[in-house]
Amino acid sequence: FVCTPMSRGKATVRGVLGIDSFESVGSGRDDEDVPEEGVVEVLQQASAMLGTMMDQKVKHDSLRKLDEATNDPALTVEDVYSLGLQALQHNILFAQKLEVWQL
């Protein structure tokens, strides 16, 4: 079993990539370790790339949604405020609640 975080840097973890079995993977020799040398490092690199892309997509989607909403002439200041807080909450992973004390 191999498990590695899907992260962007050390602080932003978007999930976990895990491989639960190497039974169906062929081995060159009976005395070789499974997984073979280098496999864990490749999985870590792939996991880091996935984590980065997931983080960028969430940020892009939040900003796009906010941008699209602000083009609506019927939108109130409160609506923009609420959408802005939602965008922040989706992009600050450790936040459970956001408050603005002054505009």
PDB file of N, CA and C in Angstrom:
ATOM      1  N   PHE A   1       0.843  -1.175   0.000  1.00  0.00           N
ATOM      2  CA  PHE A   1       0.000   0.000   0.000  1.00  0.00           C
ATOM      3  C   PHE A   1       0.889   1.240   0.000  1.00  0.00           C
ATOM      4  N   VAL A   2       0.612   2.179  -0.906  1.00  0.00           N
ATOM      5  CA  VAL A   2       1.337   3.447  -0.960  1.00  0.00           C
ATOM      6  C   VAL A   2       0.301   4.557  -0.978  1.00  0.00           C
ATOM      7  N   CYS A   3       0.524   5.565  -0.160  1.00  0.00           N
ATOM      8  CA  CYS A   3      -0.403   6.683  -0.059  1.00  0.00           C
ATOM      9  C   CYS A   3       0.403   7.976  -0.010  1.00  0.00           C
ATOM     10  N   THR A   4      -0.015   8.982  -0.801  1.00  0.00           N
ATOM     11  CA  THR A   4       0.711  10.254  -0.831  1.00  0.00           C
ATOM     12  C   THR A   4      -0.292  11.402  -0.985  1.00  0.00           C
ATOM     13  N   PRO A   5      -0.041  12.551  -0.345  1.00  0.00           N
ATOM     14  CA  PRO A   5      -1.002  13.652  -0.409  1.00  0.00           C
ATOM     15  C   PRO A   5      -1.009  14.335  -1.774  1.00  0.00           C
ATOM     16  N   MET A   6      -2.208  14.729  -2.231  1.00  0.00           N
ATOM     17  CA  MET A   6      -2.327  15.553  -3.434  1.00  0.00           C
ATOM     18  C   MET A   6      -2.275  16.991  -2.940  1.00  0.00           C
ATOM     19  N   SER A   7      -1.096  17.572  -3.000  1.00  0.00           N
ATOM     20  CA  SER A   7      -0.911  18.870  -2.376  1.00  0.00           C
ATOM     21  C   SER A   7      -0.271  19.867  -3.316  1.00  0.00           C
ATOM     22  N   ARG A   8      -0.541  21.135  -3.018  1.00  0.00           N
ATOM     23  CA  ARG A   8       0.138  22.234  -3.691  1.00  0.00           C
ATOM     24  C   ARG A   8       1.033  22.847  -2.637  1.00  0.00           C
ATOM     25  N   GLY A   9       2.306  22.561  -2.729  1.00  0.00           N
ATOM     26  CA  GLY A   9       3.217  22.985  -1.674  1.00  0.00           C
ATOM     27  C   GLY A   9       3.018  22.102  -0.460  1.00  0.00           C
ATOM     28  N   LYS A  10       3.429  22.599   0.684  1.00  0.00           N
ATOM     29  CA  LYS A  10       3.312  21.795   1.897  1.00  0.00           C
ATOM     30  C   LYS A  10       2.039  22.089   2.676  1.00  0.00           C
ATOM     31  N   ALA A  11       1.397  23.224   2.386  1.00  0.00           N
ATOM     32  CA  ALA A  11       0.269  23.642   3.212  1.00  0.00           C
ATOM     33  C   ALA A  11      -1.094  23.296   2.625  1.00  0.00           C
ATOM     34  N   THR A  12      -1.223  23.203   1.307  1.00  0.00           N
ATOM     35  CA  THR A  12      -2.528  23.024   0.680  1.00  0.00           C
ATOM     36  C   THR A  12      -2.692  21.594   0.199  1.00  0.00           C
ATOM     37  N   VAL A  13      -3.445  20.803   0.937  1.00  0.00           N
ATOM     38  CA  VAL A  13      -3.703  19.405   0.570  1.00  0.00           C
ATOM     39  C   VAL A  13      -5.145  19.292   0.099  1.00  0.00           C
ATOM     40  N   ARG A  14      -5.327  18.799  -1.125  1.00  0.00           N
ATOM     41  CA  ARG A  14      -6.666  18.666  -1.714  1.00  0.00           C
ATOM     42  C   ARG A  14      -7.186  17.236  -1.695  1.00  0.00           C
ATOM     43  N   GLY A  15      -6.377  16.284  -1.290  1.00  0.00           N
ATOM     44  CA  GLY A  15      -6.822  14.896  -1.260  1.00  0.00           C
ATOM     45  C   GLY A  15      -5.640  13.965  -1.063  1.00  0.00           C
ATOM     46  N   VAL A  16      -5.877  12.685  -1.292  1.00  0.00           N
ATOM     47  CA  VAL A  16      -4.844  11.666  -1.111  1.00  0.00           C
ATOM     48  C   VAL A  16      -4.887  10.714  -2.302  1.00  0.00           C
ATOM     49  N   LEU A  17      -3.723  10.382  -2.827  1.00  0.00           N
ATOM     50  CA  LEU A  17      -3.603   9.395  -3.890  1.00  0.00           C
ATOM     51  C   LEU A  17      -3.068   8.116  -3.257  1.00  0.00           C
ATOM     52  N   GLY A  18      -3.795   7.027  -3.433  1.00  0.00           N
ATOM     53  CA  GLY A  18      -3.371   5.775  -2.828  1.00  0.00           C
ATOM     54  C   GLY A  18      -3.397   4.624  -3.824  1.00  0.00           C
ATOM     55  N   ILE A  19      -2.435   3.751  -3.706  1.00  0.00           N
ATOM     56  CA  ILE A  19      -2.368   2.522  -4.496  1.00  0.00           C
ATOM     57  C   ILE A  19      -2.438   1.385  -3.475  1.00  0.00           C
ATOM     58  N   ASP A  20      -3.466   0.556  -3.588  1.00  0.00           N
ATOM     59  CA  ASP A  20      -3.656  -0.444  -2.540  1.00  0.00           C
ATOM     60  C   ASP A  20      -3.032  -1.802  -2.845  1.00  0.00           C
ATOM     61  N   SER A  21      -2.595  -2.000  -4.079  1.00  0.00           N
ATOM     62  CA  SER A  21      -2.066  -3.325  -4.376  1.00  0.00           C
ATOM     63  C   SER A  21      -1.087  -3.260  -5.557  1.00  0.00           C
ATOM     64  N   PHE A  22      -0.071  -4.055  -5.465  1.00  0.00           N
ATOM     65  CA  PHE A  22       0.872  -4.209  -6.569  1.00  0.00           C
ATOM     66  C   PHE A  22       0.914  -5.665  -7.026  1.00  0.00           C
ATOM     67  N   GLU A  23      -0.122  -6.422  -6.682  1.00  0.00           N
ATOM     68  CA  GLU A  23      -0.158  -7.853  -6.986  1.00  0.00           C
ATOM     69  C   GLU A  23      -0.150  -8.141  -8.479  1.00  0.00           C
ATOM     70  N   SER A  24      -0.828  -7.299  -9.268  1.00  0.00           N
ATOM     71  CA  SER A  24      -0.925  -7.573 -10.708  1.00  0.00           C
ATOM     72  C   SER A  24       0.237  -6.970 -11.500  1.00  0.00           C
ATOM     73  N   VAL A  25       1.157  -6.322 -10.801  1.00  0.00           N
ATOM     74  CA  VAL A  25       2.316  -5.731 -11.473  1.00  0.00           C
ATOM     75  C   VAL A  25       3.412  -6.781 -11.559  1.00  0.00           C
ATOM     76  N   GLY A  26       3.914  -6.950 -12.751  1.00  0.00           N
ATOM     77  CA  GLY A  26       4.982  -7.930 -12.931  1.00  0.00           C
ATOM     78  C   GLY A  26       6.264  -7.496 -12.244  1.00  0.00           C
ATOM     79  N   SER A  27       7.033  -8.448 -11.814  1.00  0.00           N
ATOM     80  CA  SER A  27       8.312  -8.178 -11.165  1.00  0.00           C
ATOM     81  C   SER A  27       9.411  -8.804 -11.997  1.00  0.00           C
ATOM     82  N   GLY A  28      10.519  -8.089 -12.133  1.00  0.00           N
ATOM     83  CA  GLY A  28      11.632  -8.608 -12.925  1.00  0.00           C
ATOM     84  C   GLY A  28      12.223  -9.868 -12.335  1.00  0.00           C
ATOM     85  N   ARG A  29      12.364  -9.861 -11.009  1.00  0.00           N
ATOM     86  CA  ARG A  29      12.935 -11.018 -10.324  1.00  0.00           C
ATOM     87  C   ARG A  29      12.156 -11.280  -9.050  1.00  0.00           C
ATOM     88  N   ASP A  30      12.189 -12.503  -8.597  1.00  0.00           N
ATOM     89  CA  ASP A  30      11.449 -12.871  -7.387  1.00  0.00           C
ATOM     90  C   ASP A  30      12.000 -12.197  -6.132  1.00  0.00           C
ATOM     91  N   ASP A  31      13.287 -11.852  -6.135  1.00  0.00           N
ATOM     92  CA  ASP A  31      13.881 -11.262  -4.937  1.00  0.00           C
ATOM     93  C   ASP A  31      13.813  -9.729  -4.929  1.00  0.00           C
ATOM     94  N   GLU A  32      13.138  -9.109  -5.919  1.00  0.00           N
ATOM     95  CA  GLU A  32      13.003  -7.648  -5.950  1.00  0.00           C
ATOM     96  C   GLU A  32      11.862  -7.200  -5.045  1.00  0.00           C
ATOM     97  N   ASP A  33      12.050  -6.032  -4.460  1.00  0.00           N
ATOM     98  CA  ASP A  33      10.995  -5.446  -3.638  1.00  0.00           C
ATOM     99  C   ASP A  33       9.878  -4.904  -4.524  1.00  0.00           C
ATOM    100  N   VAL A  34       8.657  -4.930  -4.004  1.00  0.00           N
ATOM    101  CA  VAL A  34       7.509  -4.338  -4.679  1.00  0.00           C
ATOM    102  C   VAL A  34       6.929  -3.313  -3.720  1.00  0.00           C
ATOM    103  N   PRO A  35       6.721  -2.084  -4.066  1.00  0.00           N
ATOM    104  CA  PRO A  35       6.997  -1.520  -5.381  1.00  0.00           C
ATOM    105  C   PRO A  35       8.499  -1.323  -5.577  1.00  0.00           C
ATOM    106  N   GLU A  36       8.896  -1.395  -6.812  1.00  0.00           N
ATOM    107  CA  GLU A  36      10.324  -1.265  -7.113  1.00  0.00           C
ATOM    108  C   GLU A  36      10.798   0.165  -6.864  1.00  0.00           C
ATOM    109  N   GLU A  37      12.086   0.322  -6.803  1.00  0.00           N
ATOM    110  CA  GLU A  37      12.701   1.614  -6.514  1.00  0.00           C
ATOM    111  C   GLU A  37      12.259   2.672  -7.533  1.00  0.00           C
ATOM    112  N   GLY A  38      11.866   3.822  -7.043  1.00  0.00           N
ATOM    113  CA  GLY A  38      11.456   4.926  -7.903  1.00  0.00           C
ATOM    114  C   GLY A  38       9.954   5.073  -8.056  1.00  0.00           C
ATOM    115  N   VAL A  39       9.198   4.020  -7.784  1.00  0.00           N
ATOM    116  CA  VAL A  39       7.739   4.075  -7.953  1.00  0.00           C
ATOM    117  C   VAL A  39       7.110   5.068  -6.977  1.00  0.00           C
ATOM    118  N   VAL A  40       7.536   5.051  -5.735  1.00  0.00           N
ATOM    119  CA  VAL A  40       6.970   5.963  -4.731  1.00  0.00           C
ATOM    120  C   VAL A  40       7.247   7.410  -5.120  1.00  0.00           C
ATOM    121  N   GLU A  41       8.449   7.700  -5.597  1.00  0.00           N
ATOM    122  CA  GLU A  41       8.789   9.063  -6.003  1.00  0.00           C
ATOM    123  C   GLU A  41       7.940   9.528  -7.184  1.00  0.00           C
ATOM    124  N   VAL A  42       7.683   8.639  -8.138  1.00  0.00           N
ATOM    125  CA  VAL A  42       6.836   8.982  -9.288  1.00  0.00           C
ATOM    126  C   VAL A  42       5.411   9.263  -8.818  1.00  0.00           C
ATOM    127  N   LEU A  43       4.901   8.438  -7.911  1.00  0.00           N
ATOM    128  CA  LEU A  43       3.555   8.666  -7.364  1.00  0.00           C
ATOM    129  C   LEU A  43       3.481   9.988  -6.602  1.00  0.00           C
ATOM    130  N   GLN A  44       4.532  10.327  -5.863  1.00  0.00           N
ATOM    131  CA  GLN A  44       4.558  11.601  -5.142  1.00  0.00           C
ATOM    132  C   GLN A  44       4.530  12.782  -6.108  1.00  0.00           C
ATOM    133  N   GLN A  45       5.285  12.692  -7.183  1.00  0.00           N
ATOM    134  CA  GLN A  45       5.300  13.765  -8.177  1.00  0.00           C
ATOM    135  C   GLN A  45       3.952  13.883  -8.879  1.00  0.00           C
ATOM    136  N   ALA A  46       3.356  12.759  -9.250  1.00  0.00           N
ATOM    137  CA  ALA A  46       2.043  12.775  -9.897  1.00  0.00           C
ATOM    138  C   ALA A  46       0.990  13.342  -8.949  1.00  0.00           C
ATOM    139  N   SER A  47       1.057  12.954  -7.698  1.00  0.00           N
ATOM    140  CA  SER A  47       0.123  13.434  -6.693  1.00  0.00           C
ATOM    141  C   SER A  47       0.261  14.943  -6.487  1.00  0.00           C
ATOM    142  N   ALA A  48       1.483  15.438  -6.474  1.00  0.00           N
ATOM    143  CA  ALA A  48       1.717  16.882  -6.333  1.00  0.00           C
ATOM    144  C   ALA A  48       1.154  17.639  -7.535  1.00  0.00           C
ATOM    145  N   MET A  49       1.319  17.086  -8.735  1.00  0.00           N
ATOM    146  CA  MET A  49       0.765  17.742  -9.928  1.00  0.00           C
ATOM    147  C   MET A  49      -0.756  17.766  -9.878  1.00  0.00           C
ATOM    148  N   LEU A  50      -1.367  16.643  -9.483  1.00  0.00           N
ATOM    149  CA  LEU A  50      -2.824  16.593  -9.362  1.00  0.00           C
ATOM    150  C   LEU A  50      -3.327  17.587  -8.314  1.00  0.00           C
ATOM    151  N   GLY A  51      -2.650  17.651  -7.185  1.00  0.00           N
ATOM    152  CA  GLY A  51      -3.041  18.585  -6.129  1.00  0.00           C
ATOM    153  C   GLY A  51      -2.954  20.029  -6.582  1.00  0.00           C
ATOM    154  N   THR A  52      -1.905  20.353  -7.310  1.00  0.00           N
ATOM    155  CA  THR A  52      -1.739  21.713  -7.836  1.00  0.00           C
ATOM    156  C   THR A  52      -2.847  22.044  -8.818  1.00  0.00           C
ATOM    157  N   MET A  53      -3.139  21.123  -9.734  1.00  0.00           N
ATOM    158  CA  MET A  53      -4.185  21.367 -10.725  1.00  0.00           C
ATOM    159  C   MET A  53      -5.567  21.481 -10.068  1.00  0.00           C
ATOM    160  N   MET A  54      -5.846  20.643  -9.073  1.00  0.00           N
ATOM    161  CA  MET A  54      -7.124  20.733  -8.373  1.00  0.00           C
ATOM    162  C   MET A  54      -7.251  22.075  -7.660  1.00  0.00           C
ATOM    163  N   ASP A  55      -6.189  22.511  -7.012  1.00  0.00           N
ATOM    164  CA  ASP A  55      -6.199  23.788  -6.305  1.00  0.00           C
ATOM    165  C   ASP A  55      -6.416  24.943  -7.282  1.00  0.00           C
ATOM    166  N   GLN A  56      -5.715  24.923  -8.402  1.00  0.00           N
ATOM    167  CA  GLN A  56      -5.877  25.980  -9.400  1.00  0.00           C
ATOM    168  C   GLN A  56      -7.287  25.985  -9.985  1.00  0.00           C
ATOM    169  N   LYS A  57      -7.866  24.810 -10.207  1.00  0.00           N
ATOM    170  CA  LYS A  57      -9.222  24.742 -10.766  1.00  0.00           C
ATOM    171  C   LYS A  57     -10.247  25.315  -9.798  1.00  0.00           C
ATOM    172  N   VAL A  58     -10.139  24.976  -8.528  1.00  0.00           N
ATOM    173  CA  VAL A  58     -11.072  25.510  -7.534  1.00  0.00           C
ATOM    174  C   VAL A  58     -10.968  27.031  -7.479  1.00  0.00           C
ATOM    175  N   LYS A  59      -9.752  27.540  -7.491  1.00  0.00           N
ATOM    176  CA  LYS A  59      -9.557  28.998  -7.452  1.00  0.00           C
ATOM    177  C   LYS A  59     -10.109  29.653  -8.714  1.00  0.00           C
ATOM    178  N   HIS A  60      -9.827  29.062  -9.858  1.00  0.00           N
ATOM    179  CA  HIS A  60     -10.321  29.615 -11.121  1.00  0.00           C
ATOM    180  C   HIS A  60     -11.847  29.613 -11.154  1.00  0.00           C
ATOM    181  N   ASP A  61     -12.456  28.507 -10.764  1.00  0.00           N
ATOM    182  CA  ASP A  61     -13.919  28.407 -10.782  1.00  0.00           C
ATOM    183  C   ASP A  61     -14.562  29.425  -9.846  1.00  0.00           C
ATOM    184  N   SER A  62     -13.989  29.622  -8.668  1.00  0.00           N
ATOM    185  CA  SER A  62     -14.534  30.594  -7.718  1.00  0.00           C
ATOM    186  C   SER A  62     -14.458  32.008  -8.280  1.00  0.00           C
ATOM    187  N   LEU A  63     -13.326  32.355  -8.859  1.00  0.00           N
ATOM    188  CA  LEU A  63     -13.170  33.702  -9.423  1.00  0.00           C
ATOM    189  C   LEU A  63     -14.051  33.897 -10.653  1.00  0.00           C
ATOM    190  N   ARG A  64     -14.195  32.865 -11.474  1.00  0.00           N
ATOM    191  CA  ARG A  64     -15.057  32.956 -12.651  1.00  0.00           C
ATOM    192  C   ARG A  64     -16.505  33.169 -12.238  1.00  0.00           C
ATOM    193  N   LYS A  65     -16.946  32.435 -11.222  1.00  0.00           N
ATOM    194  CA  LYS A  65     -18.318  32.572 -10.740  1.00  0.00           C
ATOM    195  C   LYS A  65     -18.557  33.987 -10.202  1.00  0.00           C
ATOM    196  N   LEU A  66     -17.602  34.519  -9.475  1.00  0.00           N
ATOM    197  CA  LEU A  66     -17.720  35.880  -8.958  1.00  0.00           C
ATOM    198  C   LEU A  66     -17.735  36.890 -10.101  1.00  0.00           C
ATOM    199  N   ASP A  67     -16.877  36.692 -11.093  1.00  0.00           N
ATOM    200  CA  ASP A  67     -16.819  37.591 -12.243  1.00  0.00           C
ATOM    201  C   ASP A  67     -18.128  37.565 -13.029  1.00  0.00           C
ATOM    202  N   GLU A  68     -18.656  36.377 -13.279  1.00  0.00           N
ATOM    203  CA  GLU A  68     -19.918  36.255 -14.019  1.00  0.00           C
ATOM    204  C   GLU A  68     -21.071  36.911 -13.261  1.00  0.00           C
ATOM    205  N   ALA A  69     -21.087  36.753 -11.961  1.00  0.00           N
ATOM    206  CA  ALA A  69     -22.167  37.306 -11.160  1.00  0.00           C
ATOM    207  C   ALA A  69     -22.130  38.835 -11.149  1.00  0.00           C
ATOM    208  N   THR A  70     -20.945  39.410 -11.156  1.00  0.00           N
ATOM    209  CA  THR A  70     -20.850  40.871 -11.101  1.00  0.00           C
ATOM    210  C   THR A  70     -21.264  41.522 -12.416  1.00  0.00           C
ATOM    211  N   ASN A  71     -21.450  40.746 -13.465  1.00  0.00           N
ATOM    212  CA  ASN A  71     -21.959  41.293 -14.731  1.00  0.00           C
ATOM    213  C   ASN A  71     -23.476  41.395 -14.747  1.00  0.00           C
ATOM    214  N   ASP A  72     -24.124  40.898 -13.723  1.00  0.00           N
ATOM    215  CA  ASP A  72     -25.586  40.954 -13.620  1.00  0.00           C
ATOM    216  C   ASP A  72     -25.987  42.306 -13.036  1.00  0.00           C
ATOM    217  N   PRO A  73     -26.708  43.136 -13.800  1.00  0.00           N
ATOM    218  CA  PRO A  73     -27.077  44.469 -13.296  1.00  0.00           C
ATOM    219  C   PRO A  73     -28.067  44.422 -12.127  1.00  0.00           C
ATOM    220  N   ALA A  74     -28.741  43.309 -11.928  1.00  0.00           N
ATOM    221  CA  ALA A  74     -29.700  43.197 -10.830  1.00  0.00           C
ATOM    222  C   ALA A  74     -29.031  42.799  -9.518  1.00  0.00           C
ATOM    223  N   LEU A  75     -27.729  42.533  -9.562  1.00  0.00           N
ATOM    224  CA  LEU A  75     -27.004  42.080  -8.376  1.00  0.00           C
ATOM    225  C   LEU A  75     -26.866  43.217  -7.364  1.00  0.00           C
ATOM    226  N   THR A  76     -27.129  42.905  -6.115  1.00  0.00           N
ATOM    227  CA  THR A  76     -27.002  43.910  -5.057  1.00  0.00           C
ATOM    228  C   THR A  76     -25.598  43.862  -4.449  1.00  0.00           C
ATOM    229  N   VAL A  77     -25.265  44.864  -3.673  1.00  0.00           N
ATOM    230  CA  VAL A  77     -23.975  44.890  -2.978  1.00  0.00           C
ATOM    231  C   VAL A  77     -23.875  43.697  -2.035  1.00  0.00           C
ATOM    232  N   GLU A  78     -24.969  43.351  -1.401  1.00  0.00           N
ATOM    233  CA  GLU A  78     -24.981  42.207  -0.483  1.00  0.00           C
ATOM    234  C   GLU A  78     -24.695  40.898  -1.226  1.00  0.00           C
ATOM    235  N   ASP A  79     -25.222  40.788  -2.456  1.00  0.00           N
ATOM    236  CA  ASP A  79     -24.961  39.594  -3.264  1.00  0.00           C
ATOM    237  C   ASP A  79     -23.476  39.474  -3.601  1.00  0.00           C
ATOM    238  N   VAL A  80     -22.865  40.585  -4.009  1.00  0.00           N
ATOM    239  CA  VAL A  80     -21.432  40.585  -4.330  1.00  0.00           C
ATOM    240  C   VAL A  80     -20.619  40.242  -3.089  1.00  0.00           C
ATOM    241  N   TYR A  81     -21.001  40.815  -1.969  1.00  0.00           N
ATOM    242  CA  TYR A  81     -20.344  40.535  -0.688  1.00  0.00           C
ATOM    243  C   TYR A  81     -20.407  39.046  -0.366  1.00  0.00           C
ATOM    244  N   SER A  82     -21.603  38.473  -0.502  1.00  0.00           N
ATOM    245  CA  SER A  82     -21.791  37.049  -0.213  1.00  0.00           C
ATOM    246  C   SER A  82     -20.967  36.172  -1.158  1.00  0.00           C
ATOM    247  N   LEU A  83     -20.985  36.486  -2.441  1.00  0.00           N
ATOM    248  CA  LEU A  83     -20.202  35.706  -3.414  1.00  0.00           C
ATOM    249  C   LEU A  83     -18.702  35.839  -3.158  1.00  0.00           C
ATOM    250  N   GLY A  84     -18.271  37.031  -2.759  1.00  0.00           N
ATOM    251  CA  GLY A  84     -16.856  37.224  -2.422  1.00  0.00           C
ATOM    252  C   GLY A  84     -16.444  36.376  -1.235  1.00  0.00           C
ATOM    253  N   LEU A  85     -17.305  36.322  -0.215  1.00  0.00           N
ATOM    254  CA  LEU A  85     -17.006  35.484   0.948  1.00  0.00           C
ATOM    255  C   LEU A  85     -16.979  34.006   0.578  1.00  0.00           C
ATOM    256  N   GLN A  86     -17.896  33.595  -0.302  1.00  0.00           N
ATOM    257  CA  GLN A  86     -17.904  32.195  -0.750  1.00  0.00           C
ATOM    258  C   GLN A  86     -16.609  31.860  -1.493  1.00  0.00           C
ATOM    259  N   ALA A  87     -16.156  32.777  -2.345  1.00  0.00           N
ATOM    260  CA  ALA A  87     -14.908  32.552  -3.084  1.00  0.00           C
ATOM    261  C   ALA A  87     -13.732  32.417  -2.113  1.00  0.00           C
ATOM    262  N   LEU A  88     -13.698  33.274  -1.108  1.00  0.00           N
ATOM    263  CA  LEU A  88     -12.628  33.181  -0.106  1.00  0.00           C
ATOM    264  C   LEU A  88     -12.709  31.863   0.659  1.00  0.00           C
ATOM    265  N   GLN A  89     -13.907  31.483   1.047  1.00  0.00           N
ATOM    266  CA  GLN A  89     -14.071  30.264   1.831  1.00  0.00           C
ATOM    267  C   GLN A  89     -13.648  29.022   1.038  1.00  0.00           C
ATOM    268  N   HIS A  90     -13.907  28.997  -0.270  1.00  0.00           N
ATOM    269  CA  HIS A  90     -13.504  27.851  -1.087  1.00  0.00           C
ATOM    270  C   HIS A  90     -11.995  27.791  -1.288  1.00  0.00           C
ATOM    271  N   ASN A  91     -11.324  28.902  -1.100  1.00  0.00           N
ATOM    272  CA  ASN A  91      -9.893  28.955  -1.396  1.00  0.00           C
ATOM    273  C   ASN A  91      -9.006  29.048  -0.170  1.00  0.00           C
ATOM    274  N   ILE A  92      -9.591  29.233   0.984  1.00  0.00           N
ATOM    275  CA  ILE A  92      -8.834  29.199   2.230  1.00  0.00           C
ATOM    276  C   ILE A  92      -9.298  27.940   2.945  1.00  0.00           C
ATOM    277  N   LEU A  93      -8.558  26.863   2.772  1.00  0.00           N
ATOM    278  CA  LEU A  93      -9.032  25.532   3.166  1.00  0.00           C
ATOM    279  C   LEU A  93      -9.304  25.378   4.655  1.00  0.00           C
ATOM    280  N   PHE A  94      -8.589  26.087   5.484  1.00  0.00           N
ATOM    281  CA  PHE A  94      -8.761  25.908   6.910  1.00  0.00           C
ATOM    282  C   PHE A  94      -9.871  26.782   7.474  1.00  0.00           C
ATOM    283  N   ALA A  95     -10.479  27.639   6.660  1.00  0.00           N
ATOM    284  CA  ALA A  95     -11.510  28.561   7.141  1.00  0.00           C
ATOM    285  C   ALA A  95     -12.851  27.852   7.296  1.00  0.00           C
ATOM    286  N   GLN A  96     -13.469  28.011   8.428  1.00  0.00           N
ATOM    287  CA  GLN A  96     -14.814  27.505   8.659  1.00  0.00           C
ATOM    288  C   GLN A  96     -15.839  28.631   8.583  1.00  0.00           C
ATOM    289  N   LYS A  97     -15.375  29.854   8.863  1.00  0.00           N
ATOM    290  CA  LYS A  97     -16.265  31.001   8.884  1.00  0.00           C
ATOM    291  C   LYS A  97     -15.443  32.229   8.509  1.00  0.00           C
ATOM    292  N   LEU A  98     -16.027  33.109   7.726  1.00  0.00           N
ATOM    293  CA  LEU A  98     -15.350  34.348   7.329  1.00  0.00           C
ATOM    294  C   LEU A  98     -16.209  35.530   7.713  1.00  0.00           C
ATOM    295  N   GLU A  99     -15.580  36.566   8.218  1.00  0.00           N
ATOM    296  CA  GLU A  99     -16.274  37.798   8.569  1.00  0.00           C
ATOM    297  C   GLU A  99     -15.476  38.970   8.038  1.00  0.00           C
ATOM    298  N   VAL A 100     -16.185  39.978   7.548  1.00  0.00           N
ATOM    299  CA  VAL A 100     -15.540  41.226   7.145  1.00  0.00           C
ATOM    300  C   VAL A 100     -15.954  42.272   8.175  1.00  0.00           C
ATOM    301  N   TRP A 101     -14.995  42.901   8.808  1.00  0.00           N
ATOM    302  CA  TRP A 101     -15.287  43.863   9.855  1.00  0.00           C
ATOM    303  C   TRP A 101     -15.387  45.282   9.325  1.00  0.00           C
ATOM    304  N   GLN A 102     -14.758  45.531   8.172  1.00  0.00           N
ATOM    305  CA  GLN A 102     -14.804  46.876   7.604  1.00  0.00           C
ATOM    306  C   GLN A 102     -14.613  46.788   6.104  1.00  0.00           C
ATOM    307  N   LEU A 103     -15.376  47.584   5.347  1.00  0.00           N
ATOM    308  CA  LEU A 103     -15.224  47.651   3.893  1.00  0.00           C
ATOM    309  C   LEU A 103     -14.592  48.976   3.518  1.00  0.00           C
TER     310      LEU A 103
END
